[in-house]
Amino acid sequence: MLSRTADHLFWMARYTERAENTARMLDVNYQTSLLPQSAAVSKVGWQGMLSISELMPAYQAKHGDIEPQQVMQFMVKDETNGSSILSCLRAARENARAVRGTLTTEVWETQNQTWLELNRMLRGGEFERDPGQFFEWVKFRSHLSRGVTVGTMLMDEALHFMRLGTFLERSDNTARLVDVKFHALQSDFFGAASEKDQEYDFYHWSAILRSVSGFEIYRKVYRDVIKPERVADLLILRPDMPRSLHASLNEVVSNLAMVANDQSSETLRRAGRLRAELQYGDIEEILSNGLHAFLTQFLDRVNDLGVRISRDFLIPT
């Protein structure tokens, strides 16, 4: 496969996944902002949203103080923000158009229709009227895109590069979400908390789980009240949780192995080593050594994998 074609497929999938992840985080922040809480607590949530995406400097340069409506506008429809939902879905569609001949008709039409429908919805003010419904639509279109891809594409290198982009982006986003949201909690991580703190903690952790479609999964797996250490275990180490770091790295390694070439052995080795550390990891050990340090190192290594994949297979950047 031509490296240029692989590059377009990789980034088409990655941008689609990024748009979904942004919609998930915005939806959770929007829903929790409707709960009774102080302005300071609400502001922390929106700050976290910008921190996850490393967009705080860009936002402050353009808007200054953090206001929920401005943050949502910035993250949804700001064309100057390369990580906004509008920018991501436009980039996904442009990458798809560049390799139109490699995609099935269904995959192309799904990407194209998503872009056309997005513009119609934003022009019609549907996002402002019901942000929650808009975010659900973005998630649904991403699910549809993934399903059509797996259901209609030939299981060759093209599909493997698309899957690589999807799961590399997902692992990066889940790690950022866990890191920022765990630091946002004000009460002691494992200490005794007041009844009011416990009530806030429940909504806080529920929101995190819902942002990765993990609330029902948590109830099924642990059958207990929501505890921070178990949320961390679910989102980091569980291989059967679709959006966990472990599950994402399983997919990265398996798809990387399918497209391996003479110069990618070191990339595959590093991906396999990172996967093995998650496979045999222990959440108590991770927490005792420092969750932030673990996740920071994980993000650095995922970023390194992205650079190496680009160097080994895609157009050099």
Protein backbone atom coordinates (compact mmCIF):
# COMPACT_ATOMS: atom_id res chain seq x y z
CA MET A 1 0.00 0.00 0.00
CA LEU A 2 1.22 3.54 -0.78
CA SER A 3 2.30 5.41 2.33
CA ARG A 4 0.16 8.39 1.29
CA THR A 5 -2.95 6.19 1.15
CA ALA A 6 -2.15 4.62 4.52
CA ASP A 7 -1.65 8.10 5.98
CA HIS A 8 -5.09 9.31 4.83
CA LEU A 9 -6.82 6.19 6.17
CA PHE A 10 -5.00 6.39 9.51
CA TRP A 11 -5.93 10.04 10.05
CA MET A 12 -9.49 9.67 8.76
CA ALA A 13 -10.14 7.13 11.52
CA ARG A 14 -8.20 9.11 14.10
CA TYR A 15 -10.11 12.34 13.49
CA THR A 16 -13.46 10.54 13.60
CA GLU A 17 -12.53 9.01 16.96
CA ARG A 18 -11.31 12.39 18.23
CA ALA A 19 -14.62 14.04 17.35
CA GLU A 20 -16.48 11.33 19.29
CA ASN A 21 -14.20 11.66 22.30
CA THR A 22 -14.64 15.44 22.32
CA ALA A 23 -18.42 15.01 22.16
CA ARG A 24 -18.30 12.54 25.06
CA MET A 25 -16.34 14.90 27.31
CA LEU A 26 -18.45 17.92 26.42
CA ASP A 27 -21.64 15.96 27.04
CA VAL A 28 -20.50 14.91 30.52
CA ASN A 29 -19.46 18.45 31.43
CA TYR A 30 -22.75 19.80 30.10
CA GLN A 31 -24.84 17.26 32.03
CA THR A 32 -22.92 17.75 35.30
CA SER A 33 -23.15 21.54 34.93
CA LEU A 34 -26.92 21.15 35.30
CA LEU A 35 -26.45 19.71 38.82
CA PRO A 36 -26.52 22.02 41.87
CA GLN A 37 -22.92 23.19 42.36
CA SER A 38 -20.90 26.30 42.98
CA ALA A 39 -19.50 28.39 40.14
CA ALA A 40 -15.97 27.45 41.23
CA VAL A 41 -16.67 23.71 41.00
CA SER A 42 -18.31 24.18 37.60
CA LYS A 43 -15.30 26.16 36.38
CA VAL A 44 -12.93 23.34 37.39
CA GLY A 45 -14.87 20.96 35.13
CA TRP A 46 -14.55 23.21 32.08
CA GLN A 47 -10.88 23.88 32.85
CA GLY A 48 -10.37 20.12 32.90
CA MET A 49 -12.05 19.82 29.52
CA LEU A 50 -9.56 22.26 27.99
CA SER A 51 -6.63 20.70 29.85
CA ILE A 52 -7.42 17.22 28.51
CA SER A 53 -7.14 18.56 24.96
CA GLU A 54 -4.16 20.84 25.77
CA LEU A 55 -6.18 23.80 24.52
CA MET A 56 -6.12 26.10 27.56
CA PRO A 57 -3.60 28.60 26.07
CA ALA A 58 -5.46 28.73 22.73
CA TYR A 59 -8.80 29.26 24.46
CA GLN A 60 -7.54 31.95 26.84
CA ALA A 61 -5.82 33.81 24.02
CA LYS A 62 -9.12 34.03 22.18
CA HIS A 63 -11.74 34.25 24.95
CA GLY A 64 -9.98 35.04 28.23
CA ASP A 65 -12.08 33.90 31.20
CA ILE A 66 -13.65 30.45 31.16
CA GLU A 67 -17.37 30.56 30.39
CA PRO A 68 -19.26 27.30 29.74
CA GLN A 69 -21.02 28.54 26.60
CA GLN A 70 -17.80 29.89 25.13
CA VAL A 71 -15.93 26.66 25.90
CA MET A 72 -18.63 24.64 24.13
CA GLN A 73 -18.63 26.96 21.12
CA PHE A 74 -14.81 26.76 21.01
CA MET A 75 -14.81 22.95 21.20
CA VAL A 76 -17.71 22.37 18.78
CA LYS A 77 -17.73 24.91 15.94
CA ASP A 78 -14.56 27.04 16.11
CA GLU A 79 -12.77 26.56 12.78
CA THR A 80 -9.51 27.93 14.20
CA ASN A 81 -9.44 25.15 16.80
CA GLY A 82 -7.98 22.08 15.10
CA SER A 83 -9.49 19.80 17.75
CA SER A 84 -13.06 21.13 17.56
CA ILE A 85 -15.75 18.71 16.42
CA LEU A 86 -16.23 20.77 13.23
CA SER A 87 -12.50 20.68 12.42
CA CYS A 88 -12.17 16.96 13.19
CA LEU A 89 -15.12 15.88 11.05
CA ARG A 90 -13.98 18.13 8.22
CA ALA A 91 -10.47 16.62 8.37
CA ALA A 92 -11.94 13.10 8.50
CA ARG A 93 -14.04 13.80 5.41
CA GLU A 94 -11.12 15.37 3.50
CA ASN A 95 -8.90 12.38 4.26
CA ALA A 96 -11.70 10.04 3.13
CA ARG A 97 -12.15 12.01 -0.11
CA ALA A 98 -8.44 11.73 -0.86
CA VAL A 99 -8.65 7.92 -0.80
CA ARG A 100 -12.19 7.58 -2.16
CA GLY A 101 -11.15 4.67 -4.38
CA THR A 102 -9.83 2.65 -1.43
CA LEU A 103 -13.05 2.92 0.58
CA THR A 104 -16.31 1.09 0.01
CA THR A 105 -19.25 3.19 -1.13
CA GLU A 106 -20.88 2.82 2.29
CA VAL A 107 -17.82 4.09 4.19
CA TRP A 108 -17.42 7.13 1.93
CA GLU A 109 -21.13 7.99 2.00
CA THR A 110 -21.18 7.73 5.80
CA GLN A 111 -18.26 10.17 6.13
CA ASN A 112 -19.66 12.55 3.53
CA GLN A 113 -23.20 12.50 4.94
CA THR A 114 -21.86 13.17 8.45
CA TRP A 115 -20.08 16.29 7.20
CA LEU A 116 -23.09 17.58 5.25
CA GLU A 117 -25.48 16.89 8.13
CA LEU A 118 -23.13 18.58 10.62
CA ASN A 119 -23.12 21.79 8.60
CA ARG A 120 -26.89 21.74 8.30
CA MET A 121 -27.30 21.25 12.07
CA LEU A 122 -24.85 24.01 12.99
CA ARG A 123 -26.43 26.47 10.54
CA GLY A 124 -29.89 25.61 11.90
CA GLY A 125 -28.88 26.24 15.51
CA GLU A 126 -29.61 22.67 16.62
CA PHE A 127 -26.48 22.58 18.78
CA GLU A 128 -27.55 25.65 20.76
CA ARG A 129 -31.13 24.40 21.15
CA ASP A 130 -30.15 21.00 22.59
CA PRO A 131 -26.42 20.40 23.17
CA GLY A 132 -27.05 16.96 24.70
CA GLN A 133 -28.90 15.73 21.62
CA PHE A 134 -26.18 17.13 19.35
CA PHE A 135 -23.44 15.28 21.26
CA GLU A 136 -25.45 12.05 21.02
CA TRP A 137 -25.65 12.57 17.25
CA VAL A 138 -21.85 12.97 16.98
CA LYS A 139 -21.32 9.76 18.97
CA PHE A 140 -23.87 7.91 16.84
CA ARG A 141 -22.18 8.99 13.59
CA SER A 142 -18.83 7.78 14.90
CA HIS A 143 -20.37 4.43 15.88
CA LEU A 144 -21.95 4.21 12.43
CA SER A 145 -18.66 4.99 10.72
CA ARG A 146 -16.83 2.29 12.68
CA GLY A 147 -19.55 -0.27 12.12
CA VAL A 148 -19.76 0.36 8.37
CA THR A 149 -15.97 0.16 8.14
CA VAL A 150 -15.75 -3.21 9.87
CA GLY A 151 -18.84 -4.51 8.13
CA THR A 152 -17.96 -3.61 4.53
CA MET A 153 -14.18 -3.13 4.15
CA LEU A 154 -11.92 -5.91 2.93
CA MET A 155 -9.80 -7.16 5.85
CA ASP A 156 -6.54 -5.95 4.36
CA GLU A 157 -3.95 -3.29 5.17
CA ALA A 158 -6.41 -0.45 4.59
CA LEU A 159 -8.65 -1.68 7.40
CA HIS A 160 -5.68 -2.29 9.71
CA PHE A 161 -4.40 1.27 9.30
CA MET A 162 -7.86 2.64 10.04
CA ARG A 163 -8.10 0.49 13.18
CA LEU A 164 -4.63 1.62 14.22
CA GLY A 165 -5.71 5.26 14.02
CA THR A 166 -8.91 4.62 15.96
CA PHE A 167 -7.35 2.79 18.89
CA LEU A 168 -4.22 4.91 19.17
CA GLU A 169 -6.47 7.97 19.47
CA ARG A 170 -8.77 6.19 21.94
CA SER A 171 -5.92 5.13 24.24
CA ASP A 172 -4.55 8.68 24.25
CA ASN A 173 -7.92 10.20 25.07
CA THR A 174 -8.85 7.74 27.82
CA ALA A 175 -5.50 8.31 29.53
CA ARG A 176 -5.99 12.09 29.41
CA LEU A 177 -9.54 11.78 30.74
CA VAL A 178 -8.52 9.61 33.71
CA ASP A 179 -5.54 11.83 34.54
CA VAL A 180 -7.44 15.14 34.52
CA LYS A 181 -10.64 13.89 36.14
CA PHE A 182 -8.87 12.13 39.01
CA HIS A 183 -7.01 15.35 39.80
CA ALA A 184 -10.23 17.37 39.68
CA LEU A 185 -11.69 15.56 42.69
CA GLN A 186 -11.44 17.80 45.72
CA SER A 187 -12.05 15.36 48.58
CA ASP A 188 -9.39 12.96 49.84
CA PHE A 189 -8.90 10.09 47.38
CA PHE A 190 -9.35 7.27 49.84
CA GLY A 191 -10.09 9.11 53.07
CA ALA A 192 -13.34 9.55 54.93
CA ALA A 193 -15.64 12.09 53.33
CA SER A 194 -18.72 13.92 54.49
CA GLU A 195 -22.15 12.90 53.23
CA LYS A 196 -22.16 15.88 50.90
CA ASP A 197 -18.71 14.93 49.56
CA GLN A 198 -19.85 11.35 49.01
CA GLU A 199 -22.87 12.56 47.06
CA TYR A 200 -20.67 14.80 44.91
CA ASP A 201 -18.17 11.96 44.43
CA PHE A 202 -20.94 9.64 43.21
CA TYR A 203 -21.98 12.10 40.48
CA HIS A 204 -18.34 12.84 39.67
CA TRP A 205 -17.36 9.20 39.15
CA SER A 206 -20.68 8.39 37.45
CA ALA A 207 -19.99 11.18 34.97
CA ILE A 208 -16.52 9.82 34.22
CA LEU A 209 -17.94 6.34 33.65
CA ARG A 210 -20.75 7.64 31.44
CA SER A 211 -18.25 9.59 29.33
CA VAL A 212 -16.71 6.27 28.26
CA SER A 213 -20.01 4.32 28.22
CA GLY A 214 -18.79 2.48 31.30
CA PHE A 215 -21.52 3.04 33.90
CA GLU A 216 -23.48 -0.14 33.19
CA ILE A 217 -20.25 -2.07 32.67
CA TYR A 218 -18.99 -0.98 36.11
CA ARG A 219 -22.22 -2.18 37.75
CA LYS A 220 -21.99 -5.52 35.96
CA VAL A 221 -18.31 -6.11 36.74
CA TYR A 222 -18.03 -4.88 40.36
CA ARG A 223 -21.64 -4.99 41.64
CA ASP A 224 -20.74 -2.38 44.26
CA VAL A 225 -20.81 1.35 44.97
CA ILE A 226 -18.58 3.40 42.70
CA LYS A 227 -15.05 3.57 44.14
CA PRO A 228 -12.20 5.61 42.60
CA GLU A 229 -9.70 2.75 42.61
CA ARG A 230 -12.15 0.50 40.77
CA VAL A 231 -12.93 3.20 38.21
CA ALA A 232 -9.18 3.45 37.59
CA ASP A 233 -8.89 -0.35 37.33
CA LEU A 234 -11.77 -0.49 34.83
CA LEU A 235 -10.46 2.29 32.60
CA ILE A 236 -6.80 1.27 32.69
CA LEU A 237 -6.36 -2.48 33.17
CA ARG A 238 -9.58 -4.28 32.18
CA PRO A 239 -9.11 -5.92 28.74
CA ASP A 240 -12.87 -6.49 28.39
CA MET A 241 -13.75 -2.78 28.79
CA PRO A 242 -13.89 -1.49 25.17
CA ARG A 243 -12.45 1.96 25.89
CA SER A 244 -9.82 0.96 28.47
CA LEU A 245 -6.11 1.48 27.90
CA HIS A 246 -5.54 -2.29 27.92
CA ALA A 247 -8.25 -3.01 25.32
CA SER A 248 -7.01 -0.18 23.09
CA LEU A 249 -3.40 -1.41 23.22
CA ASN A 250 -4.54 -4.95 22.41
CA GLU A 251 -6.01 -3.58 19.18
CA VAL A 252 -2.98 -1.40 18.43
CA VAL A 253 -0.60 -4.36 18.80
CA SER A 254 -2.71 -6.80 16.77
CA ASN A 255 -3.23 -4.35 13.88
CA LEU A 256 0.40 -3.26 13.98
CA ALA A 257 1.46 -6.90 13.66
CA MET A 258 -0.76 -7.28 10.58
CA VAL A 259 0.97 -4.44 8.69
CA ALA A 260 4.51 -5.04 10.02
CA ASN A 261 7.40 -4.39 7.63
CA ASP A 262 11.19 -4.63 7.79
CA GLN A 263 11.61 -1.35 9.65
CA SER A 264 8.73 -1.60 12.14
CA SER A 265 10.10 -4.28 14.50
CA GLU A 266 11.14 -1.74 17.14
CA THR A 267 7.73 -0.02 16.99
CA LEU A 268 5.98 -3.37 17.44
CA ARG A 269 8.31 -4.27 20.31
CA ARG A 270 7.54 -1.02 22.15
CA ALA A 271 3.80 -1.41 21.60
CA GLY A 272 3.95 -5.00 22.84
CA ARG A 273 5.93 -4.02 25.92
CA LEU A 274 3.44 -1.29 26.80
CA ARG A 275 0.58 -3.75 26.31
CA ALA A 276 2.34 -6.32 28.54
CA GLU A 277 2.70 -3.77 31.35
CA LEU A 278 -1.07 -3.21 31.23
CA GLN A 279 -1.77 -6.94 30.94
CA TYR A 280 0.23 -7.76 34.09
CA GLY A 281 -0.29 -4.46 35.89
CA ASP A 282 -1.83 -4.08 39.36
CA ILE A 283 -4.00 -1.08 40.16
CA GLU A 284 -2.87 -0.85 43.79
CA GLU A 285 0.75 -0.72 42.69
CA ILE A 286 -0.05 1.95 40.08
CA LEU A 287 -1.90 4.08 42.64
CA SER A 288 0.81 3.70 45.29
CA ASN A 289 3.51 4.75 42.80
CA GLY A 290 1.40 7.67 41.57
CA LEU A 291 -1.40 7.58 39.02
CA HIS A 292 -0.40 10.89 37.43
CA ALA A 293 3.18 9.72 36.87
CA PHE A 294 1.93 6.46 35.35
CA LEU A 295 -0.47 8.18 32.96
CA THR A 296 2.04 10.88 31.98
CA GLN A 297 4.53 8.18 31.04
CA PHE A 298 1.80 6.25 29.20
CA LEU A 299 0.89 9.32 27.14
CA ASP A 300 4.53 9.93 26.27
CA ARG A 301 4.87 6.33 25.08
CA VAL A 302 1.64 6.44 23.05
CA ASN A 303 2.82 9.67 21.43
CA ASP A 304 6.15 7.94 20.66
CA LEU A 305 4.22 5.07 19.04
CA GLY A 306 2.32 7.56 16.88
CA VAL A 307 5.57 9.18 15.73
CA ARG A 308 7.12 5.77 15.00
CA ILE A 309 4.08 4.55 13.06
CA SER A 310 4.25 7.71 10.95
CA ARG A 311 7.95 7.17 10.34
CA ASP A 312 7.65 3.44 9.56
CA PHE A 313 4.54 3.45 7.38
CA LEU A 314 3.14 6.90 6.65
CA ILE A 315 4.30 10.14 5.08
CA PRO A 316 7.28 11.54 7.09
CA THR A 317 6.25 14.65 9.03
